[in-house]
């Protein structure tokens, strides 16, 4: 019987509803661990993660039976339920609709992992909007400004 061999790496980005800066340091650590569990439950492997106060980056080695939409939906819905169910913030937590999913090769893993882990340093010189639009352009993705995240500059 033949086996299936795949190597699917995806850089996933999504934002907090209304781009509120509500993921504080203690929540960040807990949230990253919780998201790691969701990725593992989707038969995939988390390579890098950083939850900024208003958006999150992940680098995932994706199981071939799991789509980017499925894992991202599971991460966003599961983590929202966990934050709200455990009263991790005041008020109700939600992620914005949509996400960015960018394929990458094994040769890019080190650079993308470093980029994700070093988000605090990176955002001293570049806004989330600048970062996201640059990623879309580098990936040669056609986009419509009307359907991008709600930006807070």
C-alpha atoms as a PDB file:
ATOM      1  CA  UNK A   1       0.000   0.000   0.000  1.00  0.00           C
ATOM      2  CA  UNK A   2       1.342   3.417  -0.929  1.00  0.00           C
ATOM      3  CA  UNK A   3       1.950   6.054   1.729  1.00  0.00           C
ATOM      4  CA  UNK A   4       1.182   9.750   1.549  1.00  0.00           C
ATOM      5  CA  UNK A   5       4.056  12.182   2.024  1.00  0.00           C
ATOM      6  CA  UNK A   6       3.483  15.886   2.415  1.00  0.00           C
ATOM      7  CA  UNK A   7       5.228  18.990   3.645  1.00  0.00           C
ATOM      8  CA  UNK A   8       2.758  21.834   4.095  1.00  0.00           C
ATOM      9  CA  UNK A   9       3.895  24.924   5.989  1.00  0.00           C
ATOM     10  CA  UNK A  10       1.553  27.870   6.503  1.00  0.00           C
ATOM     11  CA  UNK A  11       2.060  31.271   8.128  1.00  0.00           C
ATOM     12  CA  UNK A  12      -1.333  32.296   9.565  1.00  0.00           C
ATOM     13  CA  UNK A  13      -2.224  35.817  10.724  1.00  0.00           C
ATOM     14  CA  UNK A  14      -5.452  37.092  12.311  1.00  0.00           C
ATOM     15  CA  UNK A  15      -6.504  40.081  14.397  1.00  0.00           C
ATOM     16  CA  UNK A  16      -8.477  40.853  17.552  1.00  0.00           C
ATOM     17  CA  UNK A  17     -11.965  42.313  16.921  1.00  0.00           C
ATOM     18  CA  UNK A  18     -11.739  46.095  16.486  1.00  0.00           C
ATOM     19  CA  UNK A  19      -7.966  45.684  16.848  1.00  0.00           C
ATOM     20  CA  UNK A  20      -8.244  46.155  20.592  1.00  0.00           C
ATOM     21  CA  UNK A  21      -4.921  45.721  22.388  1.00  0.00           C
ATOM     22  CA  UNK A  22      -6.228  43.261  24.978  1.00  0.00           C
ATOM     23  CA  UNK A  23      -3.853  40.315  24.846  1.00  0.00           C
ATOM     24  CA  UNK A  24      -1.625  41.217  27.794  1.00  0.00           C
ATOM     25  CA  UNK A  25       1.579  39.351  28.660  1.00  0.00           C
ATOM     26  CA  UNK A  26       0.092  36.842  31.125  1.00  0.00           C
ATOM     27  CA  UNK A  27      -2.811  36.096  28.774  1.00  0.00           C
ATOM     28  CA  UNK A  28      -0.366  35.865  25.859  1.00  0.00           C
ATOM     29  CA  UNK A  29       1.558  33.012  27.493  1.00  0.00           C
ATOM     30  CA  UNK A  30      -1.602  31.078  28.388  1.00  0.00           C
ATOM     31  CA  UNK A  31      -3.221  31.750  24.995  1.00  0.00           C
ATOM     32  CA  UNK A  32      -0.167  30.552  23.085  1.00  0.00           C
ATOM     33  CA  UNK A  33      -0.226  27.288  25.061  1.00  0.00           C
ATOM     34  CA  UNK A  34      -3.960  26.881  24.463  1.00  0.00           C
ATOM     35  CA  UNK A  35      -3.568  27.504  20.723  1.00  0.00           C
ATOM     36  CA  UNK A  36      -0.723  24.950  20.639  1.00  0.00           C
ATOM     37  CA  UNK A  37      -3.181  22.361  21.960  1.00  0.00           C
ATOM     38  CA  UNK A  38      -5.721  23.246  19.268  1.00  0.00           C
ATOM     39  CA  UNK A  39      -3.054  22.844  16.565  1.00  0.00           C
ATOM     40  CA  UNK A  40      -2.007  19.477  18.025  1.00  0.00           C
ATOM     41  CA  UNK A  41      -5.650  18.343  18.146  1.00  0.00           C
ATOM     42  CA  UNK A  42      -5.801  19.102  14.416  1.00  0.00           C
ATOM     43  CA  UNK A  43      -2.964  16.584  13.812  1.00  0.00           C
ATOM     44  CA  UNK A  44      -0.653  19.468  12.946  1.00  0.00           C
ATOM     45  CA  UNK A  45       2.502  20.898  14.505  1.00  0.00           C
ATOM     46  CA  UNK A  46       3.071  24.438  15.736  1.00  0.00           C
ATOM     47  CA  UNK A  47       6.491  25.713  14.735  1.00  0.00           C
ATOM     48  CA  UNK A  48       6.237  29.312  15.983  1.00  0.00           C
ATOM     49  CA  UNK A  49       3.612  31.550  17.592  1.00  0.00           C
ATOM     50  CA  UNK A  50       3.360  35.089  18.919  1.00  0.00           C
ATOM     51  CA  UNK A  51       0.191  36.676  20.210  1.00  0.00           C
ATOM     52  CA  UNK A  52       0.601  40.446  19.953  1.00  0.00           C
ATOM     53  CA  UNK A  53      -1.810  42.611  21.961  1.00  0.00           C
ATOM     54  CA  UNK A  54      -3.993  43.050  18.834  1.00  0.00           C
ATOM     55  CA  UNK A  55      -3.067  40.248  16.396  1.00  0.00           C
ATOM     56  CA  UNK A  56      -1.528  36.785  16.244  1.00  0.00           C
ATOM     57  CA  UNK A  57       1.023  35.046  14.012  1.00  0.00           C
ATOM     58  CA  UNK A  58       1.464  31.286  13.741  1.00  0.00           C
ATOM     59  CA  UNK A  59       3.698  29.067  11.650  1.00  0.00           C
ATOM     60  CA  UNK A  60       2.154  25.631  11.306  1.00  0.00           C
ATOM     61  CA  UNK A  61       3.184  22.350   9.714  1.00  0.00           C
ATOM     62  CA  UNK A  62      -0.244  21.320   8.481  1.00  0.00           C
ATOM     63  CA  UNK A  63      -1.566  17.765   8.376  1.00  0.00           C
ATOM     64  CA  UNK A  64      -2.639  16.972   4.780  1.00  0.00           C
ATOM     65  CA  UNK A  65      -6.243  16.198   5.795  1.00  0.00           C
ATOM     66  CA  UNK A  66      -6.674  19.589   7.516  1.00  0.00           C
ATOM     67  CA  UNK A  67      -7.315  22.766   5.525  1.00  0.00           C
ATOM     68  CA  UNK A  68      -5.995  26.207   6.431  1.00  0.00           C
ATOM     69  CA  UNK A  69      -9.617  27.364   6.853  1.00  0.00           C
ATOM     70  CA  UNK A  70     -10.433  24.492   9.213  1.00  0.00           C
ATOM     71  CA  UNK A  71      -7.448  24.905  11.509  1.00  0.00           C
ATOM     72  CA  UNK A  72      -7.757  28.701  11.565  1.00  0.00           C
ATOM     73  CA  UNK A  73     -11.476  28.478  12.333  1.00  0.00           C
ATOM     74  CA  UNK A  74     -10.803  25.962  15.113  1.00  0.00           C
ATOM     75  CA  UNK A  75      -8.069  28.160  16.591  1.00  0.00           C
ATOM     76  CA  UNK A  76     -10.170  31.324  16.495  1.00  0.00           C
ATOM     77  CA  UNK A  77     -13.399  29.784  17.799  1.00  0.00           C
ATOM     78  CA  UNK A  78     -11.708  27.560  20.384  1.00  0.00           C
ATOM     79  CA  UNK A  79      -9.493  30.290  21.784  1.00  0.00           C
ATOM     80  CA  UNK A  80     -12.386  32.788  21.926  1.00  0.00           C
ATOM     81  CA  UNK A  81     -14.517  30.297  23.847  1.00  0.00           C
ATOM     82  CA  UNK A  82     -11.618  29.587  26.216  1.00  0.00           C
ATOM     83  CA  UNK A  83     -10.917  33.294  26.857  1.00  0.00           C
ATOM     84  CA  UNK A  84     -14.601  34.086  27.424  1.00  0.00           C
ATOM     85  CA  UNK A  85     -15.405  30.927  29.379  1.00  0.00           C
ATOM     86  CA  UNK A  86     -12.508  31.521  31.766  1.00  0.00           C
ATOM     87  CA  UNK A  87     -13.110  35.290  32.023  1.00  0.00           C
ATOM     88  CA  UNK A  88      -9.566  36.082  30.892  1.00  0.00           C
ATOM     89  CA  UNK A  89     -10.530  39.647  29.931  1.00  0.00           C
ATOM     90  CA  UNK A  90     -13.187  42.158  30.917  1.00  0.00           C
ATOM     91  CA  UNK A  91     -16.064  42.022  28.443  1.00  0.00           C
ATOM     92  CA  UNK A  92     -16.455  39.712  25.465  1.00  0.00           C
ATOM     93  CA  UNK A  93     -13.482  38.598  23.362  1.00  0.00           C
ATOM     94  CA  UNK A  94     -13.702  38.008  19.602  1.00  0.00           C
ATOM     95  CA  UNK A  95     -11.311  37.714  16.696  1.00  0.00           C
ATOM     96  CA  UNK A  96     -12.026  39.756  13.558  1.00  0.00           C
ATOM     97  CA  UNK A  97     -13.479  37.915  10.582  1.00  0.00           C
ATOM     98  CA  UNK A  98     -10.945  36.636   8.110  1.00  0.00           C
ATOM     99  CA  UNK A  99      -7.274  35.732   8.250  1.00  0.00           C
ATOM    100  CA  UNK A 100      -4.141  35.621   6.154  1.00  0.00           C
ATOM    101  CA  UNK A 101      -2.744  32.217   5.220  1.00  0.00           C
ATOM    102  CA  UNK A 102       0.596  32.211   3.445  1.00  0.00           C
ATOM    103  CA  UNK A 103       2.324  29.056   2.235  1.00  0.00           C
ATOM    104  CA  UNK A 104       6.050  28.796   2.721  1.00  0.00           C
ATOM    105  CA  UNK A 105       8.851  26.387   1.954  1.00  0.00           C
ATOM    106  CA  UNK A 106      11.082  24.514   4.369  1.00  0.00           C
ATOM    107  CA  UNK A 107      13.973  26.826   3.428  1.00  0.00           C
ATOM    108  CA  UNK A 108      11.942  29.792   4.769  1.00  0.00           C
ATOM    109  CA  UNK A 109      11.091  28.263   8.172  1.00  0.00           C
ATOM    110  CA  UNK A 110      14.008  29.770  10.086  1.00  0.00           C
ATOM    111  CA  UNK A 111      13.392  33.304   8.781  1.00  0.00           C
ATOM    112  CA  UNK A 112       9.621  33.163   9.286  1.00  0.00           C
ATOM    113  CA  UNK A 113       9.983  31.645  12.767  1.00  0.00           C
ATOM    114  CA  UNK A 114      12.432  34.403  13.750  1.00  0.00           C
ATOM    115  CA  UNK A 115      10.090  37.008  12.313  1.00  0.00           C
ATOM    116  CA  UNK A 116       7.167  35.638  14.361  1.00  0.00           C
ATOM    117  CA  UNK A 117       9.086  35.226  17.619  1.00  0.00           C
ATOM    118  CA  UNK A 118      10.581  38.719  17.309  1.00  0.00           C
ATOM    119  CA  UNK A 119       7.255  40.503  16.793  1.00  0.00           C
ATOM    120  CA  UNK A 120       7.803  43.040  19.627  1.00  0.00           C
ATOM    121  CA  UNK A 121      11.061  44.202  18.036  1.00  0.00           C
ATOM    122  CA  UNK A 122       9.560  44.199  14.550  1.00  0.00           C
ATOM    123  CA  UNK A 123       6.594  46.338  15.605  1.00  0.00           C
ATOM    124  CA  UNK A 124       8.818  49.070  16.974  1.00  0.00           C
ATOM    125  CA  UNK A 125       9.407  50.124  13.365  1.00  0.00           C
ATOM    126  CA  UNK A 126       6.418  48.780  11.426  1.00  0.00           C
ATOM    127  CA  UNK A 127       2.661  48.828  12.066  1.00  0.00           C
ATOM    128  CA  UNK A 128       0.488  45.747  11.715  1.00  0.00           C
ATOM    129  CA  UNK A 129      -1.066  47.306   8.608  1.00  0.00           C
ATOM    130  CA  UNK A 130       2.345  47.898   6.987  1.00  0.00           C
ATOM    131  CA  UNK A 131       3.425  44.382   7.921  1.00  0.00           C
ATOM    132  CA  UNK A 132       0.289  42.709   6.567  1.00  0.00           C
ATOM    133  CA  UNK A 133       0.179  44.669   3.299  1.00  0.00           C
ATOM    134  CA  UNK A 134       3.867  43.941   2.723  1.00  0.00           C
ATOM    135  CA  UNK A 135       3.208  40.215   3.218  1.00  0.00           C
ATOM    136  CA  UNK A 136       0.313  40.328   0.734  1.00  0.00           C
ATOM    137  CA  UNK A 137       2.502  42.114  -1.835  1.00  0.00           C
ATOM    138  CA  UNK A 138       5.474  39.771  -1.339  1.00  0.00           C
ATOM    139  CA  UNK A 139       3.128  36.799  -1.746  1.00  0.00           C
ATOM    140  CA  UNK A 140       1.698  38.418  -4.907  1.00  0.00           C
ATOM    141  CA  UNK A 141      -1.840  38.173  -3.563  1.00  0.00           C
ATOM    142  CA  UNK A 142      -4.467  40.368  -5.191  1.00  0.00           C
ATOM    143  CA  UNK A 143      -6.584  41.996  -2.510  1.00  0.00           C
ATOM    144  CA  UNK A 144      -9.347  44.529  -2.095  1.00  0.00           C
ATOM    145  CA  UNK A 145      -8.839  47.179   0.619  1.00  0.00           C
ATOM    146  CA  UNK A 146     -12.534  46.935   1.497  1.00  0.00           C
ATOM    147  CA  UNK A 147     -12.082  43.353   2.684  1.00  0.00           C
ATOM    148  CA  UNK A 148      -8.955  43.734   4.791  1.00  0.00           C
ATOM    149  CA  UNK A 149      -8.823  43.931   8.586  1.00  0.00           C
ATOM    150  CA  UNK A 150     -10.166  47.005  10.351  1.00  0.00           C
ATOM    151  CA  UNK A 151      -7.026  49.104  10.737  1.00  0.00           C
ATOM    152  CA  UNK A 152      -6.199  51.301  13.686  1.00  0.00           C
ATOM    153  CA  UNK A 153      -3.276  53.560  12.865  1.00  0.00           C
END
